[in-house]
PDB file of N, CA and C in Angstrom:
ATOM      1  N   UNK A   1     -99.643 -18.196  16.740  1.00  0.00           N
ATOM      2  CA  UNK A   1     -98.580 -17.986  15.793  1.00  0.00           C
ATOM      3  C   UNK A   1     -98.523 -16.492  15.447  1.00  0.00           C
ATOM      4  N   UNK A   2     -97.361 -15.856  15.584  1.00  0.00           N
ATOM      5  CA  UNK A   2     -97.270 -14.427  15.301  1.00  0.00           C
ATOM      6  C   UNK A   2     -97.395 -14.150  13.800  1.00  0.00           C
ATOM      7  N   UNK A   3     -98.073 -13.049  13.477  1.00  0.00           N
ATOM      8  CA  UNK A   3     -98.208 -12.667  12.072  1.00  0.00           C
ATOM      9  C   UNK A   3     -97.038 -11.780  11.670  1.00  0.00           C
ATOM     10  N   UNK A   4     -96.676 -11.853  10.403  1.00  0.00           N
ATOM     11  CA  UNK A   4     -95.590 -11.026   9.901  1.00  0.00           C
ATOM     12  C   UNK A   4     -96.100  -9.608   9.690  1.00  0.00           C
ATOM     13  N   UNK A   5     -95.250  -8.659   9.929  1.00  0.00           N
ATOM     14  CA  UNK A   5     -95.577  -7.274   9.661  1.00  0.00           C
ATOM     15  C   UNK A   5     -95.681  -7.107   8.139  1.00  0.00           C
ATOM     16  N   UNK A   6     -96.826  -6.613   7.663  1.00  0.00           N
ATOM     17  CA  UNK A   6     -97.059  -6.472   6.223  1.00  0.00           C
ATOM     18  C   UNK A   6     -95.986  -5.619   5.561  1.00  0.00           C
ATOM     19  N   UNK A   7     -95.681  -4.483   6.132  1.00  0.00           N
ATOM     20  CA  UNK A   7     -94.711  -3.554   5.545  1.00  0.00           C
ATOM     21  C   UNK A   7     -93.329  -4.188   5.468  1.00  0.00           C
ATOM     22  N   UNK A   8     -92.918  -4.866   6.510  1.00  0.00           N
ATOM     23  CA  UNK A   8     -91.618  -5.530   6.523  1.00  0.00           C
ATOM     24  C   UNK A   8     -91.541  -6.570   5.422  1.00  0.00           C
ATOM     25  N   UNK A   9     -92.597  -7.338   5.261  1.00  0.00           N
ATOM     26  CA  UNK A   9     -92.634  -8.372   4.219  1.00  0.00           C
ATOM     27  C   UNK A   9     -92.647  -7.745   2.827  1.00  0.00           C
ATOM     28  N   UNK A  10     -93.397  -6.654   2.662  1.00  0.00           N
ATOM     29  CA  UNK A  10     -93.447  -5.965   1.374  1.00  0.00           C
ATOM     30  C   UNK A  10     -92.058  -5.466   0.982  1.00  0.00           C
ATOM     31  N   UNK A  11     -91.374  -4.794   1.883  1.00  0.00           N
ATOM     32  CA  UNK A  11     -90.044  -4.247   1.598  1.00  0.00           C
ATOM     33  C   UNK A  11     -89.073  -5.375   1.269  1.00  0.00           C
ATOM     34  N   UNK A  12     -89.189  -6.482   1.967  1.00  0.00           N
ATOM     35  CA  UNK A  12     -88.334  -7.642   1.690  1.00  0.00           C
ATOM     36  C   UNK A  12     -88.572  -8.152   0.268  1.00  0.00           C
ATOM     37  N   UNK A  13     -89.835  -8.261  -0.129  1.00  0.00           N
ATOM     38  CA  UNK A  13     -90.173  -8.749  -1.468  1.00  0.00           C
ATOM     39  C   UNK A  13     -89.729  -7.780  -2.560  1.00  0.00           C
ATOM     40  N   UNK A  14     -89.798  -6.478  -2.276  1.00  0.00           N
ATOM     41  CA  UNK A  14     -89.448  -5.475  -3.282  1.00  0.00           C
ATOM     42  C   UNK A  14     -87.952  -5.378  -3.544  1.00  0.00           C
ATOM     43  N   UNK A  15     -87.153  -6.094  -2.795  1.00  0.00           N
ATOM     44  CA  UNK A  15     -85.715  -6.152  -3.077  1.00  0.00           C
ATOM     45  C   UNK A  15     -85.451  -6.950  -4.345  1.00  0.00           C
ATOM     46  N   UNK A  16     -86.383  -7.808  -4.716  1.00  0.00           N
ATOM     47  CA  UNK A  16     -86.291  -8.590  -5.952  1.00  0.00           C
ATOM     48  C   UNK A  16     -86.754  -7.699  -7.108  1.00  0.00           C
ATOM     49  N   UNK A  17     -85.900  -7.479  -8.116  1.00  0.00           N
ATOM     50  CA  UNK A  17     -86.273  -6.587  -9.225  1.00  0.00           C
ATOM     51  C   UNK A  17     -87.547  -6.999  -9.957  1.00  0.00           C
ATOM     52  N   UNK A  18     -87.788  -8.287 -10.103  1.00  0.00           N
ATOM     53  CA  UNK A  18     -89.013  -8.745 -10.775  1.00  0.00           C
ATOM     54  C   UNK A  18     -90.252  -8.400  -9.956  1.00  0.00           C
ATOM     55  N   UNK A  19     -90.166  -8.615  -8.657  1.00  0.00           N
ATOM     56  CA  UNK A  19     -91.289  -8.269  -7.770  1.00  0.00           C
ATOM     57  C   UNK A  19     -91.526  -6.762  -7.786  1.00  0.00           C
ATOM     58  N   UNK A  20     -90.440  -5.990  -7.743  1.00  0.00           N
ATOM     59  CA  UNK A  20     -90.551  -4.536  -7.745  1.00  0.00           C
ATOM     60  C   UNK A  20     -91.213  -4.045  -9.030  1.00  0.00           C
ATOM     61  N   UNK A  21     -90.823  -4.614 -10.162  1.00  0.00           N
ATOM     62  CA  UNK A  21     -91.403  -4.206 -11.441  1.00  0.00           C
ATOM     63  C   UNK A  21     -92.899  -4.528 -11.497  1.00  0.00           C
ATOM     64  N   UNK A  22     -93.279  -5.701 -11.045  1.00  0.00           N
ATOM     65  CA  UNK A  22     -94.698  -6.079 -11.045  1.00  0.00           C
ATOM     66  C   UNK A  22     -95.505  -5.192 -10.103  1.00  0.00           C
ATOM     67  N   UNK A  23     -94.929  -4.894  -8.957  1.00  0.00           N
ATOM     68  CA  UNK A  23     -95.573  -4.023  -7.973  1.00  0.00           C
ATOM     69  C   UNK A  23     -95.802  -2.635  -8.580  1.00  0.00           C
ATOM     70  N   UNK A  24     -94.777  -2.090  -9.243  1.00  0.00           N
ATOM     71  CA  UNK A  24     -94.914  -0.761  -9.844  1.00  0.00           C
ATOM     72  C   UNK A  24     -95.936  -0.768 -10.977  1.00  0.00           C
ATOM     73  N   UNK A  25     -95.988  -1.834 -11.758  1.00  0.00           N
ATOM     74  CA  UNK A  25     -97.005  -1.932 -12.812  1.00  0.00           C
ATOM     75  C   UNK A  25     -98.408  -1.895 -12.210  1.00  0.00           C
ATOM     76  N   UNK A  26     -98.621  -2.637 -11.142  1.00  0.00           N
ATOM     77  CA  UNK A  26     -99.932  -2.660 -10.485  1.00  0.00           C
ATOM     78  C   UNK A  26    -100.262  -1.282  -9.899  1.00  0.00           C
ATOM     79  N   UNK A  27     -99.274  -0.640  -9.298  1.00  0.00           N
ATOM     80  CA  UNK A  27     -99.486   0.697  -8.731  1.00  0.00           C
ATOM     81  C   UNK A  27     -99.837   1.697  -9.825  1.00  0.00           C
ATOM     82  N   UNK A  28     -99.131   1.618 -10.960  1.00  0.00           N
ATOM     83  CA  UNK A  28     -99.355   2.549 -12.060  1.00  0.00           C
ATOM     84  C   UNK A  28    -100.754   2.392 -12.635  1.00  0.00           C
ATOM     85  N   UNK A  29    -101.245   1.156 -12.695  1.00  0.00           N
ATOM     86  CA  UNK A  29    -102.592   0.913 -13.206  1.00  0.00           C
ATOM     87  C   UNK A  29    -103.652   1.530 -12.312  1.00  0.00           C
ATOM     88  N   UNK A  30    -103.337   1.680 -11.033  1.00  0.00           N
ATOM     89  CA  UNK A  30    -104.293   2.258 -10.088  1.00  0.00           C
ATOM     90  C   UNK A  30    -104.414   3.766 -10.275  1.00  0.00           C
ATOM     91  N   UNK A  31    -103.324   4.490 -10.053  1.00  0.00           N
ATOM     92  CA  UNK A  31    -103.333   5.950 -10.206  1.00  0.00           C
ATOM     93  C   UNK A  31    -101.911   6.487 -10.112  1.00  0.00           C
ATOM     94  N   UNK A  32    -101.755   7.729 -10.505  1.00  0.00           N
ATOM     95  CA  UNK A  32    -100.451   8.383 -10.435  1.00  0.00           C
ATOM     96  C   UNK A  32     -99.971   8.471  -8.981  1.00  0.00           C
ATOM     97  N   UNK A  33    -100.890   8.799  -8.083  1.00  0.00           N
ATOM     98  CA  UNK A  33    -100.537   8.921  -6.669  1.00  0.00           C
ATOM     99  C   UNK A  33    -100.058   7.592  -6.095  1.00  0.00           C
ATOM    100  N   UNK A  34    -100.785   6.526  -6.421  1.00  0.00           N
ATOM    101  CA  UNK A  34    -100.414   5.198  -5.924  1.00  0.00           C
ATOM    102  C   UNK A  34     -99.076   4.772  -6.521  1.00  0.00           C
ATOM    103  N   UNK A  35     -98.838   5.101  -7.797  1.00  0.00           N
ATOM    104  CA  UNK A  35     -97.562   4.776  -8.417  1.00  0.00           C
ATOM    105  C   UNK A  35     -96.403   5.452  -7.678  1.00  0.00           C
ATOM    106  N   UNK A  36     -96.545   6.738  -7.374  1.00  0.00           N
ATOM    107  CA  UNK A  36     -95.459   7.456  -6.691  1.00  0.00           C
ATOM    108  C   UNK A  36     -95.202   6.882  -5.302  1.00  0.00           C
ATOM    109  N   UNK A  37     -96.264   6.526  -4.599  1.00  0.00           N
ATOM    110  CA  UNK A  37     -96.086   5.904  -3.283  1.00  0.00           C
ATOM    111  C   UNK A  37     -95.455   4.519  -3.419  1.00  0.00           C
ATOM    112  N   UNK A  38     -95.836   3.786  -4.458  1.00  0.00           N
ATOM    113  CA  UNK A  38     -95.238   2.477  -4.709  1.00  0.00           C
ATOM    114  C   UNK A  38     -93.763   2.604  -5.055  1.00  0.00           C
ATOM    115  N   UNK A  39     -93.429   3.602  -5.847  1.00  0.00           N
ATOM    116  CA  UNK A  39     -92.026   3.838  -6.187  1.00  0.00           C
ATOM    117  C   UNK A  39     -91.232   4.169  -4.935  1.00  0.00           C
ATOM    118  N   UNK A  40     -91.851   4.881  -4.036  1.00  0.00           N
ATOM    119  CA  UNK A  40     -91.181   5.187  -2.770  1.00  0.00           C
ATOM    120  C   UNK A  40     -90.920   3.905  -1.964  1.00  0.00           C
ATOM    121  N   UNK A  41     -91.859   2.970  -1.998  1.00  0.00           N
ATOM    122  CA  UNK A  41     -91.645   1.675  -1.333  1.00  0.00           C
ATOM    123  C   UNK A  41     -90.454   0.949  -1.950  1.00  0.00           C
ATOM    124  N   UNK A  42     -90.365   0.968  -3.274  1.00  0.00           N
ATOM    125  CA  UNK A  42     -89.253   0.311  -3.967  1.00  0.00           C
ATOM    126  C   UNK A  42     -87.936   0.993  -3.592  1.00  0.00           C
ATOM    127  N   UNK A  43     -87.943   2.305  -3.537  1.00  0.00           N
ATOM    128  CA  UNK A  43     -86.744   3.058  -3.138  1.00  0.00           C
ATOM    129  C   UNK A  43     -86.320   2.652  -1.728  1.00  0.00           C
ATOM    130  N   UNK A  44     -87.288   2.537  -0.820  1.00  0.00           N
ATOM    131  CA  UNK A  44     -86.976   2.124   0.550  1.00  0.00           C
ATOM    132  C   UNK A  44     -86.342   0.731   0.563  1.00  0.00           C
ATOM    133  N   UNK A  45     -86.882  -0.164  -0.239  1.00  0.00           N
ATOM    134  CA  UNK A  45     -86.346  -1.529  -0.298  1.00  0.00           C
ATOM    135  C   UNK A  45     -84.932  -1.557  -0.853  1.00  0.00           C
ATOM    136  N   UNK A  46     -84.585  -0.588  -1.684  1.00  0.00           N
ATOM    137  CA  UNK A  46     -83.283  -0.542  -2.332  1.00  0.00           C
ATOM    138  C   UNK A  46     -82.294   0.375  -1.629  1.00  0.00           C
ATOM    139  N   UNK A  47     -82.552   0.730  -0.374  1.00  0.00           N
ATOM    140  CA  UNK A  47     -81.568   1.500   0.381  1.00  0.00           C
ATOM    141  C   UNK A  47     -82.043   2.846   0.881  1.00  0.00           C
ATOM    142  N   UNK A  48     -83.212   3.295   0.477  1.00  0.00           N
ATOM    143  CA  UNK A  48     -83.775   4.525   0.995  1.00  0.00           C
ATOM    144  C   UNK A  48     -83.427   5.762   0.181  1.00  0.00           C
ATOM    145  N   UNK A  49     -84.014   6.877   0.609  1.00  0.00           N
ATOM    146  CA  UNK A  49     -83.868   8.134  -0.118  1.00  0.00           C
ATOM    147  C   UNK A  49     -82.449   8.686  -0.090  1.00  0.00           C
ATOM    148  N   UNK A  50     -81.737   8.522   1.016  1.00  0.00           N
ATOM    149  CA  UNK A  50     -80.373   9.032   1.090  1.00  0.00           C
ATOM    150  C   UNK A  50     -79.489   8.318   0.083  1.00  0.00           C
ATOM    151  N   UNK A  51     -79.600   7.006   0.025  1.00  0.00           N
ATOM    152  CA  UNK A  51     -78.842   6.217  -0.937  1.00  0.00           C
ATOM    153  C   UNK A  51     -79.234   6.596  -2.364  1.00  0.00           C
ATOM    154  N   UNK A  52     -80.532   6.770  -2.596  1.00  0.00           N
ATOM    155  CA  UNK A  52     -81.018   7.150  -3.917  1.00  0.00           C
ATOM    156  C   UNK A  52     -80.468   8.520  -4.320  1.00  0.00           C
ATOM    157  N   UNK A  53     -80.442   9.452  -3.395  1.00  0.00           N
ATOM    158  CA  UNK A  53     -79.933  10.795  -3.690  1.00  0.00           C
ATOM    159  C   UNK A  53     -78.478  10.724  -4.144  1.00  0.00           C
ATOM    160  N   UNK A  54     -77.702   9.880  -3.490  1.00  0.00           N
ATOM    161  CA  UNK A  54     -76.293   9.731  -3.897  1.00  0.00           C
ATOM    162  C   UNK A  54     -76.181   9.120  -5.286  1.00  0.00           C
ATOM    163  N   UNK A  55     -76.971   8.089  -5.551  1.00  0.00           N
ATOM    164  CA  UNK A  55     -76.904   7.393  -6.838  1.00  0.00           C
ATOM    165  C   UNK A  55     -77.369   8.273  -8.000  1.00  0.00           C
ATOM    166  N   UNK A  56     -78.377   9.086  -7.752  1.00  0.00           N
ATOM    167  CA  UNK A  56     -78.965   9.890  -8.825  1.00  0.00           C
ATOM    168  C   UNK A  56     -78.412  11.304  -8.882  1.00  0.00           C
ATOM    169  N   UNK A  57     -77.704  11.696  -7.846  1.00  0.00           N
ATOM    170  CA  UNK A  57     -77.196  13.067  -7.712  1.00  0.00           C
ATOM    171  C   UNK A  57     -78.334  14.085  -7.690  1.00  0.00           C
ATOM    172  N   UNK A  58     -79.496  13.648  -7.174  1.00  0.00           N
ATOM    173  CA  UNK A  58     -80.638  14.532  -6.982  1.00  0.00           C
ATOM    174  C   UNK A  58     -80.749  14.885  -5.505  1.00  0.00           C
ATOM    175  N   UNK A  59     -81.311  16.027  -5.207  1.00  0.00           N
ATOM    176  CA  UNK A  59     -81.475  16.500  -3.837  1.00  0.00           C
ATOM    177  C   UNK A  59     -82.466  15.610  -3.077  1.00  0.00           C
ATOM    178  N   UNK A  60     -82.070  15.173  -1.872  1.00  0.00           N
ATOM    179  CA  UNK A  60     -82.902  14.257  -1.081  1.00  0.00           C
ATOM    180  C   UNK A  60     -84.273  14.860  -0.770  1.00  0.00           C
ATOM    181  N   UNK A  61     -84.322  16.126  -0.411  1.00  0.00           N
ATOM    182  CA  UNK A  61     -85.597  16.769  -0.082  1.00  0.00           C
ATOM    183  C   UNK A  61     -86.515  16.828  -1.306  1.00  0.00           C
ATOM    184  N   UNK A  62     -85.926  17.120  -2.475  1.00  0.00           N
ATOM    185  CA  UNK A  62     -86.726  17.137  -3.700  1.00  0.00           C
ATOM    186  C   UNK A  62     -87.220  15.739  -4.055  1.00  0.00           C
ATOM    187  N   UNK A  63     -86.386  14.724  -3.809  1.00  0.00           N
ATOM    188  CA  UNK A  63     -86.820  13.344  -4.037  1.00  0.00           C
ATOM    189  C   UNK A  63     -87.997  13.006  -3.131  1.00  0.00           C
ATOM    190  N   UNK A  64     -87.892  13.413  -1.876  1.00  0.00           N
ATOM    191  CA  UNK A  64     -88.962  13.154  -0.905  1.00  0.00           C
ATOM    192  C   UNK A  64     -90.275  13.763  -1.398  1.00  0.00           C
ATOM    193  N   UNK A  65     -90.221  15.009  -1.860  1.00  0.00           N
ATOM    194  CA  UNK A  65     -91.424  15.681  -2.373  1.00  0.00           C
ATOM    195  C   UNK A  65     -91.918  15.024  -3.668  1.00  0.00           C
ATOM    196  N   UNK A  66     -90.998  14.689  -4.551  1.00  0.00           N
ATOM    197  CA  UNK A  66     -91.377  14.078  -5.829  1.00  0.00           C
ATOM    198  C   UNK A  66     -92.086  12.748  -5.647  1.00  0.00           C
ATOM    199  N   UNK A  67     -91.681  12.000  -4.622  1.00  0.00           N
ATOM    200  CA  UNK A  67     -92.253  10.667  -4.401  1.00  0.00           C
ATOM    201  C   UNK A  67     -93.407  10.677  -3.400  1.00  0.00           C
ATOM    202  N   UNK A  68     -93.899  11.861  -3.078  1.00  0.00           N
ATOM    203  CA  UNK A  68     -95.048  11.955  -2.174  1.00  0.00           C
ATOM    204  C   UNK A  68     -96.333  11.744  -2.973  1.00  0.00           C
ATOM    205  N   UNK A  69     -97.434  11.608  -2.276  1.00  0.00           N
ATOM    206  CA  UNK A  69     -98.725  11.373  -2.915  1.00  0.00           C
ATOM    207  C   UNK A  69     -99.065  12.496  -3.904  1.00  0.00           C
ATOM    208  N   UNK A  70     -98.638  13.713  -3.608  1.00  0.00           N
ATOM    209  CA  UNK A  70     -98.929  14.850  -4.482  1.00  0.00           C
ATOM    210  C   UNK A  70     -97.718  15.242  -5.319  1.00  0.00           C
ATOM    211  N   UNK A  71     -96.726  14.366  -5.378  1.00  0.00           N
ATOM    212  CA  UNK A  71     -95.506  14.653  -6.123  1.00  0.00           C
ATOM    213  C   UNK A  71     -95.753  14.731  -7.619  1.00  0.00           C
ATOM    214  N   UNK A  72     -94.827  15.381  -8.307  1.00  0.00           N
ATOM    215  CA  UNK A  72     -94.931  15.517  -9.749  1.00  0.00           C
ATOM    216  C   UNK A  72     -93.509  15.572 -10.321  1.00  0.00           C
ATOM    217  N   UNK A  73     -92.809  14.423 -10.300  1.00  0.00           N
ATOM    218  CA  UNK A  73     -91.416  14.443 -10.758  1.00  0.00           C
ATOM    219  C   UNK A  73     -91.303  14.666 -12.262  1.00  0.00           C
ATOM    220  N   UNK A  74     -90.234  15.317 -12.658  1.00  0.00           N
ATOM    221  CA  UNK A  74     -89.927  15.463 -14.077  1.00  0.00           C
ATOM    222  C   UNK A  74     -89.613  14.081 -14.629  1.00  0.00           C
ATOM    223  N   UNK A  75     -89.798  13.917 -15.925  1.00  0.00           N
ATOM    224  CA  UNK A  75     -89.486  12.640 -16.565  1.00  0.00           C
ATOM    225  C   UNK A  75     -88.009  12.299 -16.379  1.00  0.00           C
ATOM    226  N   UNK A  76     -87.132  13.301 -16.449  1.00  0.00           N
ATOM    227  CA  UNK A  76     -85.697  13.046 -16.271  1.00  0.00           C
ATOM    228  C   UNK A  76     -85.404  12.537 -14.857  1.00  0.00           C
ATOM    229  N   UNK A  77     -86.082  13.089 -13.856  1.00  0.00           N
ATOM    230  CA  UNK A  77     -85.906  12.621 -12.480  1.00  0.00           C
ATOM    231  C   UNK A  77     -86.447  11.212 -12.321  1.00  0.00           C
ATOM    232  N   UNK A  78     -87.620  10.961 -12.876  1.00  0.00           N
ATOM    233  CA  UNK A  78     -88.227   9.636 -12.806  1.00  0.00           C
ATOM    234  C   UNK A  78     -87.321   8.600 -13.455  1.00  0.00           C
ATOM    235  N   UNK A  79     -86.758   8.938 -14.600  1.00  0.00           N
ATOM    236  CA  UNK A  79     -85.841   8.021 -15.292  1.00  0.00           C
ATOM    237  C   UNK A  79     -84.617   7.725 -14.438  1.00  0.00           C
ATOM    238  N   UNK A  80     -84.063   8.743 -13.794  1.00  0.00           N
ATOM    239  CA  UNK A  80     -82.898   8.556 -12.919  1.00  0.00           C
ATOM    240  C   UNK A  80     -83.233   7.667 -11.732  1.00  0.00           C
ATOM    241  N   UNK A  81     -84.402   7.892 -11.157  1.00  0.00           N
ATOM    242  CA  UNK A  81     -84.835   7.100  -9.999  1.00  0.00           C
ATOM    243  C   UNK A  81     -85.005   5.640 -10.406  1.00  0.00           C
ATOM    244  N   UNK A  82     -85.712   5.409 -11.498  1.00  0.00           N
ATOM    245  CA  UNK A  82     -85.941   4.033 -11.940  1.00  0.00           C
ATOM    246  C   UNK A  82     -84.629   3.335 -12.266  1.00  0.00           C
ATOM    247  N   UNK A  83     -83.730   4.027 -12.926  1.00  0.00           N
ATOM    248  CA  UNK A  83     -82.428   3.438 -13.246  1.00  0.00           C
ATOM    249  C   UNK A  83     -81.673   3.075 -11.972  1.00  0.00           C
ATOM    250  N   UNK A  84     -81.722   3.954 -10.982  1.00  0.00           N
ATOM    251  CA  UNK A  84     -81.002   3.717  -9.729  1.00  0.00           C
ATOM    252  C   UNK A  84     -81.525   2.514  -8.956  1.00  0.00           C
ATOM    253  N   UNK A  85     -82.824   2.216  -9.101  1.00  0.00           N
ATOM    254  CA  UNK A  85     -83.396   1.059  -8.391  1.00  0.00           C
ATOM    255  C   UNK A  85     -83.473  -0.173  -9.277  1.00  0.00           C
ATOM    256  N   UNK A  86     -82.925  -0.068 -10.490  1.00  0.00           N
ATOM    257  CA  UNK A  86     -82.840  -1.245 -11.357  1.00  0.00           C
ATOM    258  C   UNK A  86     -84.121  -1.588 -12.080  1.00  0.00           C
ATOM    259  N   UNK A  87     -84.946  -0.589 -12.360  1.00  0.00           N
ATOM    260  CA  UNK A  87     -86.205  -0.808 -13.060  1.00  0.00           C
ATOM    261  C   UNK A  87     -86.153  -0.049 -14.379  1.00  0.00           C
ATOM    262  N   UNK A  88     -86.638  -0.684 -15.431  1.00  0.00           N
ATOM    263  CA  UNK A  88     -86.633  -0.076 -16.754  1.00  0.00           C
ATOM    264  C   UNK A  88     -88.056   0.293 -17.147  1.00  0.00           C
ATOM    265  N   UNK A  89     -88.228   1.498 -17.635  1.00  0.00           N
ATOM    266  CA  UNK A  89     -89.520   1.961 -18.105  1.00  0.00           C
ATOM    267  C   UNK A  89     -89.743   1.422 -19.514  1.00  0.00           C
ATOM    268  N   UNK A  90     -90.918   0.842 -19.751  1.00  0.00           N
ATOM    269  CA  UNK A  90     -91.251   0.310 -21.072  1.00  0.00           C
ATOM    270  C   UNK A  90     -92.657   0.750 -21.439  1.00  0.00           C
ATOM    271  N   UNK A  91     -92.914   0.747 -22.731  1.00  0.00           N
ATOM    272  CA  UNK A  91     -94.236   1.110 -23.214  1.00  0.00           C
ATOM    273  C   UNK A  91     -94.811  -0.048 -24.015  1.00  0.00           C
ATOM    274  N   UNK A  92     -96.118  -0.240 -23.900  1.00  0.00           N
ATOM    275  CA  UNK A  92     -96.814  -1.261 -24.670  1.00  0.00           C
ATOM    276  C   UNK A  92     -98.069  -0.622 -25.273  1.00  0.00           C
ATOM    277  N   UNK A  93     -98.589  -1.198 -26.348  1.00  0.00           N
ATOM    278  CA  UNK A  93     -99.812  -0.647 -26.926  1.00  0.00           C
ATOM    279  C   UNK A  93    -100.962  -0.717 -25.919  1.00  0.00           C
ATOM    280  N   UNK A  94    -101.796   0.280 -25.951  1.00  0.00           N
ATOM    281  CA  UNK A  94    -102.963   0.301 -25.068  1.00  0.00           C
ATOM    282  C   UNK A  94    -103.947  -0.772 -25.507  1.00  0.00           C
ATOM    283  N   UNK A  95    -104.681  -1.300 -24.542  1.00  0.00           N
ATOM    284  CA  UNK A  95    -105.734  -2.265 -24.865  1.00  0.00           C
ATOM    285  C   UNK A  95    -106.839  -1.532 -25.582  1.00  0.00           C
ATOM    286  N   UNK A  96    -107.358  -2.146 -26.636  1.00  0.00           N
ATOM    287  CA  UNK A  96    -108.455  -1.515 -27.381  1.00  0.00           C
ATOM    288  C   UNK A  96    -109.706  -1.523 -26.520  1.00  0.00           C
ATOM    289  N   UNK A  97    -110.376  -0.382 -26.508  1.00  0.00           N
ATOM    290  CA  UNK A  97    -111.605  -0.278 -25.745  1.00  0.00           C
ATOM    291  C   UNK A  97    -112.786  -0.510 -26.671  1.00  0.00           C
ATOM    292  N   UNK A  98    -113.803  -1.152 -26.137  1.00  0.00           N
ATOM    293  CA  UNK A  98    -115.012  -1.405 -26.925  1.00  0.00           C
ATOM    294  C   UNK A  98    -115.746  -0.092 -27.160  1.00  0.00           C
ATOM    295  N   UNK A  99    -116.267   0.071 -28.362  1.00  0.00           N
ATOM    296  CA  UNK A  99    -117.033   1.271 -28.687  1.00  0.00           C
ATOM    297  C   UNK A  99    -118.438   1.142 -28.097  1.00  0.00           C
ATOM    298  N   UNK A 100    -118.926   2.258 -27.586  1.00  0.00           N
ATOM    299  CA  UNK A 100    -120.278   2.271 -27.044  1.00  0.00           C
ATOM    300  C   UNK A 100    -121.303   2.140 -28.181  1.00  0.00           C
ATOM    301  N   UNK A 101    -122.375   1.406 -27.936  1.00  0.00           N
ATOM    302  CA  UNK A 101    -123.385   1.171 -28.974  1.00  0.00           C
ATOM    303  C   UNK A 101    -124.312   2.349 -29.116  1.00  0.00           C
TER     304      UNK A 101
END
C-alpha cells in the first residue's frame, strides 16, 4: 500500500482554518523559528507567497525573508499575513509557573 507524502497531506490539512490555527499554536510553543516556518506552511496551503503578496500588498521577496527560519517580521507585517490567511492573533494569560523551593 503506497504511503501518502507527509508534506502533501500537511498542506491539505492546513487549508482548514481550524487546523491551521492549531498547527501555528503548536509551532509557536516550540520556538520563533518553528513558528515562522509553520506560518510559511500555512501560507503555502492558502495559495503561496505570490498570492499572499497580492493580498497583503507586501513585497514577495521580503515576505520570503520574513518567513524564513531567521526571519524577523514586523508586527504590522505579521498581522497582515495572518489576516490574509484567515488566522486571528489572540492572547491568553500565561500559565503560572511553580516557584523553586
